[in-house]
Structures are given as C-alpha cells and as structure tokens.
Amino acid sequence: GEFKLRDRAGDSVEREVAKTSLADEIRSLHRARPGQPVVIAADKGVRYQEVMDVMTLLQKAQITRIGLLARPAS
C-alpha cells in the first residue's frame, strides 16, 4: 500500500506519496520534462492488478511513456 516517488532526473530523493496524489505529482514532473518516461518498480509481493491500476491511473493523467522495471531473480 505504499507508493514512493523518485525523480532520477532531479534530486533523486525517494519520497512517499499517497496513491490519491500520485498522478498529480507525476503530472507535475512530466510538465517539467515531458520526454522522461515513468518507470514502475513493484515489490514481488505486489499483486499484478495493483500495478495495472497504477498504469491506468497514469494513463488517465495523460502520461504515455510508462515502463515496468523487472529485476532478475536471485
């Protein structure tokens, strides 16, 4: 249930954000750097539907460059 946001093109500091403000936060960053993609990285215990919900939320906010970060199994 936690959402963290890190702007790697900015200060790269990770900060916690509420799901209700996630799209607004990312839209604000997107206005400053429209070409920068948004990458979603989820813990392996997160249900796939939760990731899809975040993708849908971002698409509704007109964010079109969305990727998923997959980490190889250890």
N, C-alpha and C. Protein backbone atom coordinates (compact mmCIF):
# COMPACT_ATOMS: atom_id res chain seq x y z
N GLY A 1 0.78 -1.20 0.00
CA GLY A 1 0.00 0.00 0.00
C GLY A 1 0.83 1.27 0.00
N GLU A 2 2.13 1.16 -0.01
CA GLU A 2 2.98 2.36 -0.02
C GLU A 2 3.38 2.70 -1.45
N PHE A 3 3.44 3.98 -1.73
CA PHE A 3 3.90 4.46 -3.03
C PHE A 3 5.05 5.41 -2.79
N LYS A 4 6.14 5.17 -3.49
CA LYS A 4 7.31 6.04 -3.37
C LYS A 4 7.64 6.58 -4.75
N LEU A 5 8.09 7.82 -4.75
CA LEU A 5 8.38 8.52 -5.99
C LEU A 5 9.83 8.99 -5.94
N ARG A 6 10.55 8.73 -7.03
CA ARG A 6 11.93 9.19 -7.13
C ARG A 6 12.12 9.81 -8.51
N ASP A 7 12.56 11.06 -8.54
CA ASP A 7 12.82 11.76 -9.79
C ASP A 7 14.30 11.63 -10.10
N ARG A 8 14.65 10.64 -10.90
CA ARG A 8 16.07 10.39 -11.18
C ARG A 8 16.71 11.50 -12.01
N ALA A 9 15.92 12.28 -12.71
CA ALA A 9 16.46 13.40 -13.49
C ALA A 9 16.57 14.65 -12.61
N GLY A 10 16.01 14.59 -11.41
CA GLY A 10 16.06 15.73 -10.49
C GLY A 10 16.97 15.42 -9.32
N ASP A 11 16.44 15.54 -8.12
CA ASP A 11 17.25 15.35 -6.93
C ASP A 11 17.44 13.88 -6.55
N SER A 12 16.68 12.99 -7.17
CA SER A 12 16.77 11.53 -6.98
C SER A 12 16.48 11.08 -5.55
N VAL A 13 15.84 11.95 -4.78
CA VAL A 13 15.45 11.59 -3.42
C VAL A 13 14.12 10.85 -3.47
N GLU A 14 14.08 9.69 -2.82
CA GLU A 14 12.84 8.91 -2.79
C GLU A 14 11.95 9.46 -1.68
N ARG A 15 10.67 9.68 -2.04
CA ARG A 15 9.73 10.18 -1.04
C ARG A 15 8.41 9.45 -1.17
N GLU A 16 7.75 9.28 -0.04
CA GLU A 16 6.48 8.58 -0.03
C GLU A 16 5.37 9.54 -0.45
N VAL A 17 4.46 9.03 -1.28
CA VAL A 17 3.30 9.81 -1.72
C VAL A 17 2.05 8.96 -1.56
N ALA A 18 0.94 9.61 -1.36
CA ALA A 18 -0.34 8.90 -1.27
C ALA A 18 -0.80 8.53 -2.67
N LYS A 19 -1.49 7.41 -2.79
CA LYS A 19 -1.99 6.99 -4.10
C LYS A 19 -2.89 8.05 -4.70
N THR A 20 -3.63 8.76 -3.84
CA THR A 20 -4.56 9.78 -4.33
C THR A 20 -3.84 10.97 -4.96
N SER A 21 -2.58 11.21 -4.59
CA SER A 21 -1.85 12.34 -5.16
C SER A 21 -0.75 11.90 -6.14
N LEU A 22 -0.62 10.60 -6.36
CA LEU A 22 0.44 10.08 -7.22
C LEU A 22 0.38 10.66 -8.63
N ALA A 23 -0.78 10.63 -9.25
CA ALA A 23 -0.91 11.13 -10.62
C ALA A 23 -0.58 12.62 -10.69
N ASP A 24 -1.05 13.41 -9.73
CA ASP A 24 -0.76 14.85 -9.73
C ASP A 24 0.74 15.11 -9.59
N GLU A 25 1.39 14.36 -8.71
CA GLU A 25 2.84 14.52 -8.51
C GLU A 25 3.60 14.21 -9.80
N ILE A 26 3.23 13.11 -10.44
CA ILE A 26 3.93 12.71 -11.66
C ILE A 26 3.60 13.65 -12.81
N ARG A 27 2.36 14.10 -12.89
CA ARG A 27 1.98 15.05 -13.94
C ARG A 27 2.79 16.35 -13.80
N SER A 28 3.03 16.79 -12.59
CA SER A 28 3.83 17.99 -12.36
C SER A 28 5.26 17.79 -12.85
N LEU A 29 5.84 16.64 -12.54
CA LEU A 29 7.20 16.33 -13.03
C LEU A 29 7.21 16.19 -14.54
N HIS A 30 6.16 15.62 -15.09
CA HIS A 30 6.06 15.41 -16.53
C HIS A 30 6.00 16.73 -17.28
N ARG A 31 5.34 17.73 -16.71
CA ARG A 31 5.28 19.05 -17.36
C ARG A 31 6.67 19.64 -17.48
N ALA A 32 7.51 19.41 -16.47
CA ALA A 32 8.87 19.96 -16.50
C ALA A 32 9.76 19.21 -17.49
N ARG A 33 9.54 17.89 -17.63
CA ARG A 33 10.34 17.06 -18.53
C ARG A 33 9.43 16.08 -19.25
N PRO A 34 8.71 16.55 -20.28
CA PRO A 34 7.71 15.71 -20.94
C PRO A 34 8.27 14.45 -21.62
N GLY A 35 9.52 14.44 -21.97
CA GLY A 35 10.10 13.27 -22.63
C GLY A 35 10.56 12.17 -21.69
N GLN A 36 10.59 12.47 -20.41
CA GLN A 36 11.09 11.50 -19.44
C GLN A 36 10.04 10.42 -19.18
N PRO A 37 10.41 9.15 -19.34
CA PRO A 37 9.44 8.08 -19.08
C PRO A 37 9.21 7.89 -17.58
N VAL A 38 8.09 7.30 -17.26
CA VAL A 38 7.77 6.91 -15.89
C VAL A 38 7.99 5.41 -15.80
N VAL A 39 8.78 4.99 -14.84
CA VAL A 39 9.08 3.57 -14.66
C VAL A 39 8.47 3.11 -13.35
N ILE A 40 7.71 2.04 -13.41
CA ILE A 40 7.08 1.46 -12.23
C ILE A 40 7.90 0.27 -11.78
N ALA A 41 8.31 0.28 -10.52
CA ALA A 41 9.01 -0.85 -9.92
C ALA A 41 8.20 -1.28 -8.72
N ALA A 42 7.77 -2.53 -8.71
CA ALA A 42 6.94 -3.03 -7.60
C ALA A 42 7.65 -4.19 -6.92
N ASP A 43 7.45 -4.31 -5.63
CA ASP A 43 7.96 -5.47 -4.90
C ASP A 43 7.31 -6.72 -5.46
N LYS A 44 8.00 -7.83 -5.34
CA LYS A 44 7.48 -9.08 -5.91
C LYS A 44 6.19 -9.54 -5.26
N GLY A 45 5.88 -9.05 -4.06
CA GLY A 45 4.65 -9.45 -3.39
C GLY A 45 3.43 -8.64 -3.80
N VAL A 46 3.63 -7.61 -4.61
CA VAL A 46 2.52 -6.76 -5.04
C VAL A 46 1.71 -7.49 -6.09
N ARG A 47 0.39 -7.48 -5.92
CA ARG A 47 -0.48 -8.12 -6.91
C ARG A 47 -0.37 -7.40 -8.25
N TYR A 48 -0.43 -8.18 -9.31
CA TYR A 48 -0.33 -7.64 -10.67
C TYR A 48 -1.41 -6.58 -10.92
N GLN A 49 -2.60 -6.80 -10.37
CA GLN A 49 -3.71 -5.86 -10.56
C GLN A 49 -3.37 -4.48 -9.99
N GLU A 50 -2.62 -4.44 -8.89
CA GLU A 50 -2.22 -3.15 -8.31
C GLU A 50 -1.33 -2.37 -9.28
N VAL A 51 -0.42 -3.08 -9.92
CA VAL A 51 0.46 -2.43 -10.90
C VAL A 51 -0.36 -1.92 -12.08
N MET A 52 -1.30 -2.73 -12.54
CA MET A 52 -2.17 -2.30 -13.65
C MET A 52 -3.01 -1.09 -13.25
N ASP A 53 -3.45 -1.05 -12.01
CA ASP A 53 -4.23 0.10 -11.54
C ASP A 53 -3.41 1.38 -11.59
N VAL A 54 -2.14 1.30 -11.21
CA VAL A 54 -1.27 2.47 -11.26
C VAL A 54 -1.04 2.89 -12.71
N MET A 55 -0.85 1.92 -13.59
CA MET A 55 -0.68 2.24 -15.02
C MET A 55 -1.92 2.95 -15.56
N THR A 56 -3.08 2.46 -15.20
CA THR A 56 -4.34 3.08 -15.65
C THR A 56 -4.46 4.50 -15.11
N LEU A 57 -4.11 4.68 -13.84
CA LEU A 57 -4.14 6.00 -13.21
C LEU A 57 -3.24 6.98 -13.97
N LEU A 58 -2.05 6.53 -14.34
CA LEU A 58 -1.13 7.39 -15.08
C LEU A 58 -1.61 7.68 -16.49
N GLN A 59 -2.17 6.68 -17.15
CA GLN A 59 -2.69 6.89 -18.50
C GLN A 59 -3.84 7.90 -18.48
N LYS A 60 -4.69 7.84 -17.48
CA LYS A 60 -5.79 8.81 -17.36
C LYS A 60 -5.25 10.21 -17.11
N ALA A 61 -4.04 10.31 -16.55
CA ALA A 61 -3.40 11.61 -16.31
C ALA A 61 -2.59 12.07 -17.52
N GLN A 62 -2.79 11.38 -18.66
CA GLN A 62 -2.13 11.73 -19.92
C GLN A 62 -0.62 11.44 -19.91
N ILE A 63 -0.18 10.53 -19.05
CA ILE A 63 1.20 10.09 -19.06
C ILE A 63 1.26 8.88 -20.00
N THR A 64 2.03 8.99 -21.07
CA THR A 64 2.02 7.94 -22.08
C THR A 64 3.28 7.09 -22.09
N ARG A 65 4.37 7.59 -21.61
CA ARG A 65 5.62 6.81 -21.59
C ARG A 65 5.76 6.14 -20.23
N ILE A 66 5.24 4.92 -20.13
CA ILE A 66 5.24 4.18 -18.88
C ILE A 66 5.94 2.85 -19.12
N GLY A 67 6.86 2.51 -18.23
CA GLY A 67 7.56 1.24 -18.34
C GLY A 67 7.53 0.50 -17.01
N LEU A 68 7.91 -0.75 -17.06
CA LEU A 68 7.98 -1.58 -15.87
C LEU A 68 9.43 -2.00 -15.65
N LEU A 69 9.87 -1.95 -14.42
CA LEU A 69 11.21 -2.38 -14.07
C LEU A 69 11.14 -3.79 -13.54
N ALA A 70 11.84 -4.70 -14.20
CA ALA A 70 11.87 -6.10 -13.75
C ALA A 70 13.28 -6.42 -13.26
N ARG A 71 13.34 -6.95 -12.08
CA ARG A 71 14.63 -7.34 -11.52
C ARG A 71 14.77 -8.85 -11.66
N PRO A 72 15.95 -9.31 -12.07
CA PRO A 72 16.13 -10.75 -12.21
C PRO A 72 16.07 -11.45 -10.85
N ALA A 73 15.59 -12.68 -10.85
CA ALA A 73 15.53 -13.46 -9.61
C ALA A 73 16.94 -13.77 -9.15
N SER A 74 17.13 -13.78 -7.85
CA SER A 74 18.48 -14.06 -7.29
C SER A 74 18.69 -15.54 -7.16
